[in-house]
Protein backbone atom coordinates (compact mmCIF):
# COMPACT_ATOMS: atom_id res chain seq x y z
CA MET A 1 97.44 -169.20 -23.83
CA PRO A 2 98.02 -171.39 -26.91
CA ASP A 3 100.52 -170.59 -29.25
CA PRO A 4 99.58 -168.16 -32.40
CA CYS A 5 100.12 -169.14 -35.97
CA SER A 6 98.25 -172.19 -36.02
CA TYR A 7 98.59 -172.94 -39.78
CA ALA A 8 99.92 -176.47 -40.77
CA SER A 9 103.30 -176.36 -42.08
CA ASN A 10 105.86 -178.68 -43.43
CA MET A 11 108.93 -177.07 -41.44
CA HIS A 12 109.68 -176.72 -38.05
CA PHE A 13 111.39 -173.73 -36.26
CA PRO A 14 115.21 -173.45 -36.43
CA TRP A 15 115.48 -173.67 -32.83
CA GLN A 16 113.79 -177.07 -32.68
CA LYS A 17 116.11 -178.77 -34.48
CA SER A 18 117.40 -181.53 -31.81
CA GLN A 19 113.93 -182.49 -31.10
CA TRP A 20 112.99 -182.92 -34.71
CA GLU A 21 116.01 -185.00 -35.38
CA LYS A 22 115.40 -187.31 -32.13
CA LEU A 23 111.78 -188.13 -33.11
CA ASN A 24 112.87 -188.50 -36.90
CA SER A 25 115.71 -191.27 -35.71
CA ASP A 26 112.90 -192.83 -33.71
CA ILE A 27 110.67 -193.16 -36.84
CA GLU A 28 113.99 -194.78 -38.94
CA LYS A 29 114.70 -197.12 -35.98
CA ASP A 30 111.30 -198.06 -35.50
CA GLN A 31 110.94 -197.00 -31.98
CA LEU A 32 108.56 -194.15 -32.01
CA PRO A 33 106.54 -194.11 -28.88
CA HIS A 34 102.73 -194.23 -29.12
CA ALA A 35 102.55 -190.99 -27.01
CA VAL A 36 105.04 -187.99 -27.02
CA SER A 37 104.45 -184.83 -24.44
CA LEU A 38 105.84 -181.71 -26.11
CA VAL A 39 106.81 -179.42 -22.94
CA GLY A 40 107.58 -175.72 -22.55
CA PRO A 41 106.46 -172.47 -22.07
CA SER A 42 103.83 -170.68 -24.58
CA TYR A 43 104.59 -169.08 -27.90
CA VAL A 44 107.83 -171.19 -28.38
CA GLY A 45 106.12 -173.07 -31.35
CA LYS A 46 105.12 -176.37 -29.75
CA TYR A 47 101.98 -176.66 -31.49
CA GLN A 48 103.41 -175.77 -34.80
CA PHE A 49 105.92 -178.67 -34.19
CA ALA A 50 103.06 -180.86 -33.59
CA ILE A 51 101.29 -180.21 -36.85
CA SER A 52 104.71 -180.70 -38.91
CA PHE A 53 105.62 -183.77 -37.11
CA ALA A 54 101.99 -185.09 -37.80
CA GLN A 55 102.54 -183.92 -41.09
CA ARG A 56 105.65 -185.59 -41.82
CA LEU A 57 104.37 -188.99 -40.17
CA LEU A 58 101.21 -188.91 -42.67
CA CYS A 59 103.12 -187.90 -45.67
CA LEU A 60 102.84 -190.24 -48.49
CA SER A 61 106.11 -189.03 -50.15
CA SER A 62 108.45 -187.93 -47.28
CA LEU A 63 111.68 -186.72 -48.39
CA ASN A 64 115.08 -186.23 -46.06
CA ASN A 65 112.82 -186.39 -43.11
CA HIS A 66 110.32 -184.13 -44.24
CA ALA A 67 106.69 -183.76 -45.49
CA CYS A 68 106.64 -183.38 -49.48
CA GLY A 69 104.14 -180.70 -48.93
CA GLN A 70 102.25 -181.76 -52.48
CA CYS A 71 100.73 -185.16 -51.88
CA LYS A 72 97.18 -185.91 -51.10
CA SER A 73 97.77 -186.21 -46.99
CA CYS A 74 99.76 -182.82 -47.08
CA LYS A 75 97.10 -181.14 -48.76
CA LEU A 76 94.38 -182.67 -46.61
CA ILE A 77 96.20 -181.29 -43.68
CA PHE A 78 96.56 -178.15 -44.86
CA ALA A 79 93.05 -177.96 -45.54
CA GLU A 80 92.38 -179.02 -41.73
CA ASN A 81 90.37 -182.31 -43.33
CA HIS A 82 92.62 -185.08 -42.91
CA PRO A 83 90.56 -188.30 -41.79
CA ASP A 84 93.66 -189.56 -39.64
CA LEU A 85 94.60 -186.67 -37.83
CA ARG A 86 92.59 -185.24 -34.74
CA ARG A 87 93.29 -182.26 -33.22
CA LEU A 88 91.51 -181.88 -29.67
CA GLU A 89 91.40 -178.47 -27.53
CA PRO A 90 88.82 -176.61 -25.92
CA ASP A 91 85.86 -174.69 -27.71
CA ASN A 92 86.16 -170.87 -27.54
CA LYS A 93 83.74 -171.00 -24.79
CA SER A 94 85.10 -173.47 -22.65
CA LYS A 95 88.48 -173.80 -20.44
CA THR A 96 88.49 -177.41 -20.37
CA LEU A 97 88.73 -180.26 -22.59
CA GLY A 98 85.93 -182.68 -21.93
CA VAL A 99 85.40 -186.45 -21.56
CA ASP A 100 83.65 -186.99 -24.68
CA SER A 101 85.86 -185.89 -27.01
CA ILE A 102 88.50 -187.97 -25.54
CA ARG A 103 86.19 -191.02 -25.42
CA GLU A 104 86.00 -190.80 -29.13
CA LEU A 105 89.46 -191.71 -29.56
CA GLY A 106 88.87 -195.05 -28.83
CA GLU A 107 86.61 -195.43 -31.75
CA PHE A 108 89.09 -193.49 -33.80
CA PHE A 109 92.32 -195.32 -33.20
CA ALA A 110 89.88 -198.76 -33.56
CA LYS A 111 89.10 -197.88 -37.15
CA THR A 112 91.91 -198.68 -40.06
CA SER A 113 93.85 -195.69 -41.05
CA GLN A 114 91.89 -194.23 -44.21
CA GLN A 115 95.33 -193.13 -45.75
CA GLY A 116 97.01 -196.65 -44.90
CA GLY A 117 99.31 -195.15 -42.57
CA TRP A 118 99.56 -193.46 -39.05
CA LYS A 119 96.99 -192.06 -37.05
CA VAL A 120 97.70 -189.05 -35.31
CA VAL A 121 95.99 -187.32 -32.33
CA ILE A 122 97.13 -183.68 -31.30
CA VAL A 123 95.91 -182.56 -27.87
CA ASN A 124 96.35 -178.86 -27.05
CA PRO A 125 96.77 -178.03 -24.25
CA ALA A 126 97.03 -181.40 -22.49
CA GLU A 127 96.41 -179.60 -19.02
CA SER A 128 92.99 -178.34 -20.47
CA MET A 129 91.69 -181.84 -19.99
CA ASN A 130 89.31 -182.38 -16.89
CA LEU A 131 90.24 -185.18 -14.53
CA ASN A 132 87.38 -187.51 -16.22
CA ALA A 133 89.04 -186.74 -19.90
CA ALA A 134 92.79 -187.31 -18.27
CA ASN A 135 91.57 -190.82 -16.78
CA ALA A 136 89.90 -191.66 -20.46
CA LEU A 137 93.00 -190.69 -22.24
CA LEU A 138 94.77 -193.15 -19.88
CA LYS A 139 92.84 -196.14 -21.19
CA ASN A 140 94.54 -195.24 -24.72
CA LEU A 141 97.75 -194.84 -23.52
CA GLU A 142 97.66 -197.86 -21.48
CA GLU A 143 96.40 -200.10 -24.57
CA PRO A 144 98.12 -198.38 -27.61
CA ARG A 145 97.05 -199.39 -30.99
CA GLU A 146 99.77 -199.84 -33.83
CA ARG A 147 100.99 -197.28 -35.81
CA THR A 148 99.24 -194.53 -33.61
CA LEU A 149 100.60 -191.44 -31.98
CA ILE A 150 99.03 -189.04 -29.44
CA LEU A 151 100.85 -185.71 -29.12
CA LEU A 152 100.40 -183.93 -26.10
CA ILE A 153 100.99 -180.23 -25.98
CA CYS A 154 101.73 -179.37 -22.57
CA HIS A 155 102.41 -175.50 -21.34
CA GLN A 156 102.19 -176.48 -17.51
CA PRO A 157 103.08 -179.92 -17.07
CA SER A 158 102.55 -179.87 -13.18
CA ARG A 159 98.78 -179.92 -14.01
CA LEU A 160 99.26 -183.17 -15.88
CA LEU A 161 98.47 -186.50 -13.93
CA ALA A 162 101.68 -188.46 -13.02
CA THR A 163 100.17 -191.50 -14.47
CA ILE A 164 99.46 -189.73 -17.89
CA LYS A 165 103.42 -188.27 -17.75
CA SER A 166 104.79 -191.77 -16.88
CA ARG A 167 103.35 -193.20 -20.41
CA CYS A 168 104.48 -190.39 -22.85
CA ARG A 169 108.15 -189.67 -23.93
CA LEU A 170 109.09 -186.25 -22.82
CA VAL A 171 110.57 -183.94 -25.13
CA ARG A 172 111.40 -180.41 -23.98
CA PHE A 173 111.13 -177.20 -25.82
CA PRO A 174 112.68 -174.43 -23.46
CA THR A 175 112.93 -170.82 -24.61
CA PRO A 176 115.33 -170.32 -27.43
CA ALA A 177 118.86 -168.55 -27.02
CA LEU A 178 118.89 -164.85 -26.98
CA LEU A 179 121.00 -164.70 -30.01
CA GLU A 180 118.92 -167.50 -31.75
CA VAL A 181 115.75 -165.30 -31.16
CA ARG A 182 117.27 -162.15 -32.76
CA LEU A 183 118.33 -163.76 -35.56
CA TRP A 184 115.34 -165.49 -36.49
CA LEU A 185 113.00 -162.38 -36.01
CA SER A 186 115.62 -160.15 -37.95
CA LYS A 187 114.09 -162.33 -40.84
CA LYS A 188 110.72 -161.97 -40.10
CA LEU A 189 110.53 -158.30 -39.02
CA ALA A 190 111.20 -154.96 -40.58
CA PRO A 191 114.50 -153.44 -39.04
CA ARG A 192 113.58 -151.79 -35.95
CA GLU A 193 115.89 -150.67 -32.78
CA ASP A 194 113.59 -151.84 -29.96
CA MET A 195 114.24 -155.57 -31.05
CA ASP A 196 115.85 -156.36 -27.82
CA GLU A 197 113.02 -154.53 -26.02
CA LEU A 198 110.33 -156.61 -27.90
CA ILE A 199 112.30 -159.72 -27.09
CA GLN A 200 112.20 -158.95 -23.48
CA TYR A 201 108.70 -157.94 -23.33
CA ALA A 202 107.81 -161.66 -24.74
CA GLY A 203 109.86 -163.07 -22.41
CA GLY A 204 112.24 -164.40 -25.00
CA SER A 205 109.18 -166.36 -26.68
CA PRO A 206 109.62 -165.65 -30.47
CA LEU A 207 106.19 -166.30 -31.41
CA LEU A 208 104.95 -164.11 -28.78
CA ALA A 209 107.37 -161.34 -29.80
CA ILE A 210 105.75 -161.57 -33.57
CA ARG A 211 102.31 -161.13 -32.22
CA LEU A 212 103.60 -157.94 -29.97
CA ALA A 213 105.06 -156.67 -32.98
CA GLU A 214 101.96 -156.98 -35.31
CA THR A 215 99.63 -155.57 -32.95
CA ASP A 216 99.12 -152.85 -30.46
CA LEU A 217 100.13 -155.35 -27.64
CA LEU A 218 103.77 -153.54 -27.29
CA GLU A 219 102.58 -150.38 -26.51
CA SER A 220 99.97 -151.81 -24.40
CA ARG A 221 102.63 -153.62 -22.31
CA ARG A 222 104.64 -150.77 -22.13
CA LYS A 223 101.81 -148.54 -20.72
CA PHE A 224 101.24 -151.49 -18.05
CA ASP A 225 104.79 -151.52 -16.98
CA ARG A 226 104.84 -147.71 -16.73
CA LEU A 227 101.71 -148.39 -14.63
CA LEU A 228 103.24 -150.98 -12.47
CA ASP A 229 106.47 -148.52 -11.89
CA ASP A 230 103.67 -145.85 -10.66
CA LEU A 231 102.31 -148.21 -8.41
CA ALA A 232 105.18 -149.18 -6.78
CA VAL A 233 105.96 -145.73 -5.63
CA HIS A 234 102.18 -144.92 -4.85
CA LYS A 235 101.37 -142.49 -7.44
CA ILE A 236 98.39 -144.47 -8.14
CA SER A 237 96.05 -146.72 -6.68
CA ALA A 238 96.00 -150.89 -7.31
CA ILE A 239 92.16 -150.34 -7.52
CA SER A 240 92.91 -147.71 -10.49
CA VAL A 241 94.96 -150.18 -12.49
CA ALA A 242 92.79 -153.02 -12.09
CA GLU A 243 89.86 -150.78 -13.68
CA ALA A 244 91.97 -149.90 -16.67
CA TYR A 245 92.30 -153.59 -17.38
CA LYS A 246 89.65 -155.19 -16.18
CA GLU A 247 88.33 -155.82 -19.53
CA ASN A 248 91.34 -157.32 -21.12
CA ASP A 249 92.66 -160.57 -21.55
CA PRO A 250 93.26 -161.95 -17.67
CA TYR A 251 95.74 -164.28 -18.85
CA MET A 252 97.84 -161.72 -20.57
CA ALA A 253 97.70 -159.40 -17.16
CA LEU A 254 99.06 -162.34 -15.35
CA ASP A 255 101.90 -163.01 -17.93
CA TRP A 256 102.82 -159.32 -17.74
CA LEU A 257 102.77 -159.27 -14.19
CA TYR A 258 104.96 -162.45 -14.18
CA TYR A 259 107.57 -160.90 -16.77
CA LYS A 260 108.02 -157.50 -15.03
CA LEU A 261 108.35 -159.56 -11.58
CA VAL A 262 110.92 -161.60 -13.04
CA PHE A 263 112.79 -158.39 -14.42
CA GLU A 264 112.51 -156.90 -11.13
CA ILE A 265 114.04 -159.83 -9.40
CA LYS A 266 116.86 -159.93 -12.09
CA SER A 267 117.64 -156.05 -11.51
CA GLY A 268 117.63 -156.35 -7.78
CA ALA A 269 117.16 -152.93 -7.04
CA LYS A 270 113.75 -151.97 -5.98
CA ILE A 271 112.11 -155.09 -4.22
CA THR A 272 112.48 -155.01 -0.58
CA SER A 273 112.09 -158.51 0.13
CA PRO A 274 113.27 -161.49 -1.91
CA LEU A 275 111.11 -163.77 0.15
CA LEU A 276 107.87 -161.84 -0.94
CA SER A 277 108.93 -161.82 -4.40
CA PHE A 278 108.92 -165.52 -4.65
CA ARG A 279 105.86 -165.96 -2.61
CA TYR A 280 104.31 -163.24 -5.26
CA MET A 281 105.54 -165.60 -8.00
CA ASP A 282 103.67 -168.68 -6.45
CA LYS A 283 100.53 -166.42 -6.17
CA LEU A 284 100.63 -165.80 -9.84
CA VAL A 285 100.59 -169.23 -10.79
CA GLN A 286 97.94 -170.08 -8.28
CA SER A 287 96.06 -167.53 -9.83
CA LYS A 288 96.36 -168.84 -13.46
CA LYS A 289 95.28 -171.94 -12.27
CA LEU A 290 92.02 -170.32 -10.88
CA LEU A 291 91.64 -168.79 -14.37
CA GLN A 292 91.58 -172.25 -15.99
CA SER A 293 89.15 -173.68 -13.58
CA PRO A 294 85.40 -173.86 -14.51
CA ALA A 295 84.33 -171.90 -11.38
CA ASN A 296 82.71 -168.55 -11.88
CA LEU A 297 85.39 -166.11 -10.44
CA ASN A 298 85.37 -162.29 -9.87
CA LEU A 299 88.41 -161.40 -12.23
CA LEU A 300 88.41 -157.69 -11.01
CA LEU A 301 89.18 -158.73 -7.28
CA ILE A 302 91.66 -161.09 -8.26
CA LEU A 303 93.78 -158.55 -10.03
CA GLU A 304 92.91 -156.20 -7.39
CA GLU A 305 94.65 -158.51 -4.58
CA LEU A 306 97.49 -159.19 -7.02
CA LEU A 307 98.13 -155.56 -7.81
CA ILE A 308 97.86 -154.71 -3.69
CA ASN A 309 100.67 -157.33 -3.18
CA TRP A 310 102.35 -155.73 -5.96
CA GLN A 311 102.64 -152.61 -4.21
CA GLN A 312 103.60 -154.46 -1.20
CA LEU A 313 106.57 -155.80 -2.66
CA PHE A 314 108.07 -152.12 -3.06
CA THR A 315 106.96 -150.82 0.31
CA LYS A 316 109.43 -150.60 3.16
CA LYS A 317 108.66 -151.88 6.58
C-alpha cells in the first residue's frame, strides 16, 4: 500500500534527517549515485522524501540543502508538471508497472534537460514492476546518463531483482522511534487520550497513524481486533469474520492480521505454539504476494483460510 499524503513538499520528515543529510552530502561531493533505493515499511514517508529530494535537486535556487519553493522549477513540481521529473506507478486498475512505461525512460533520459539541470525518475513502488519492466530498467541502470537519478521506493526489497538492488545505493527508512512518532503526532493532531493505542494500531508508522485518526479506520481496526479475539476463543466462526470483511481492502486486512499477530507474539500469553505463529507470519507474507500478482484470485477463500489458521494458533492440542 502506498504512502498517503502524496503532495509535493520541500521539507522532509524529522525522522529522515540522517538520510537527507547523507544524500545532500553526496551532492556537495559530486558523488550522488545514478540510482537510489529507498527501502522501508509503508507509511514512513519514503514517497514524500523522494519528492522532496527531487525538488531539492531540480530547484533553481536551493538554499541550505532545501528547495526554495518559489522558483519556476519548484512551482512546476507543485503543479505535478515538471518536464524533468517522471513519476511511475501502477494505475488504479493495475497491480503491476508494465514494461512500456520503463522503456520510455531511455528516451526521457536521452533528451536534454529542459531546465538545464538534473533529470529524475521516481518509481513507486519498485516491486510493482513485472519481470519485463525490471529487465528494461536494468538497461538504464547499466548505462546511466550524466546528471540523471532514479529513485526506487521499495516496501518489499525481497521482491526486487538482485541485479537491480546491486546497482542502487540502498537508503533505509526504518519505523521511527516511539517518542519521535508521539512528538510529531502531538503537533499534527488534537490532544487525545488514545495516542499510544493509535500508534500501536498503526504499527508505529506515523503517516498511517494520521490516516487512522482522520478516518473511521481506527474504530474499524478496534472492531477487527475484537473479532479476532472472539475467533480465538471460538465465539464466532472464521467464515462469519471473512464475510464481514470481504468488501474491505484485502491489503489492509492482511496488515491488520500481521500487526495483531506481532502483538500476540510479544505478549506471549495466548498463542499455543511459537513455531505455528512464525509459520503463520510467513503465510501472511505469501498471501500478500498473491494479492500483488496479476492472477484472478478468490479473495474470500484466501481470507477464510487465514482466519481458520488464526483460530488454530490459539487452540490447544
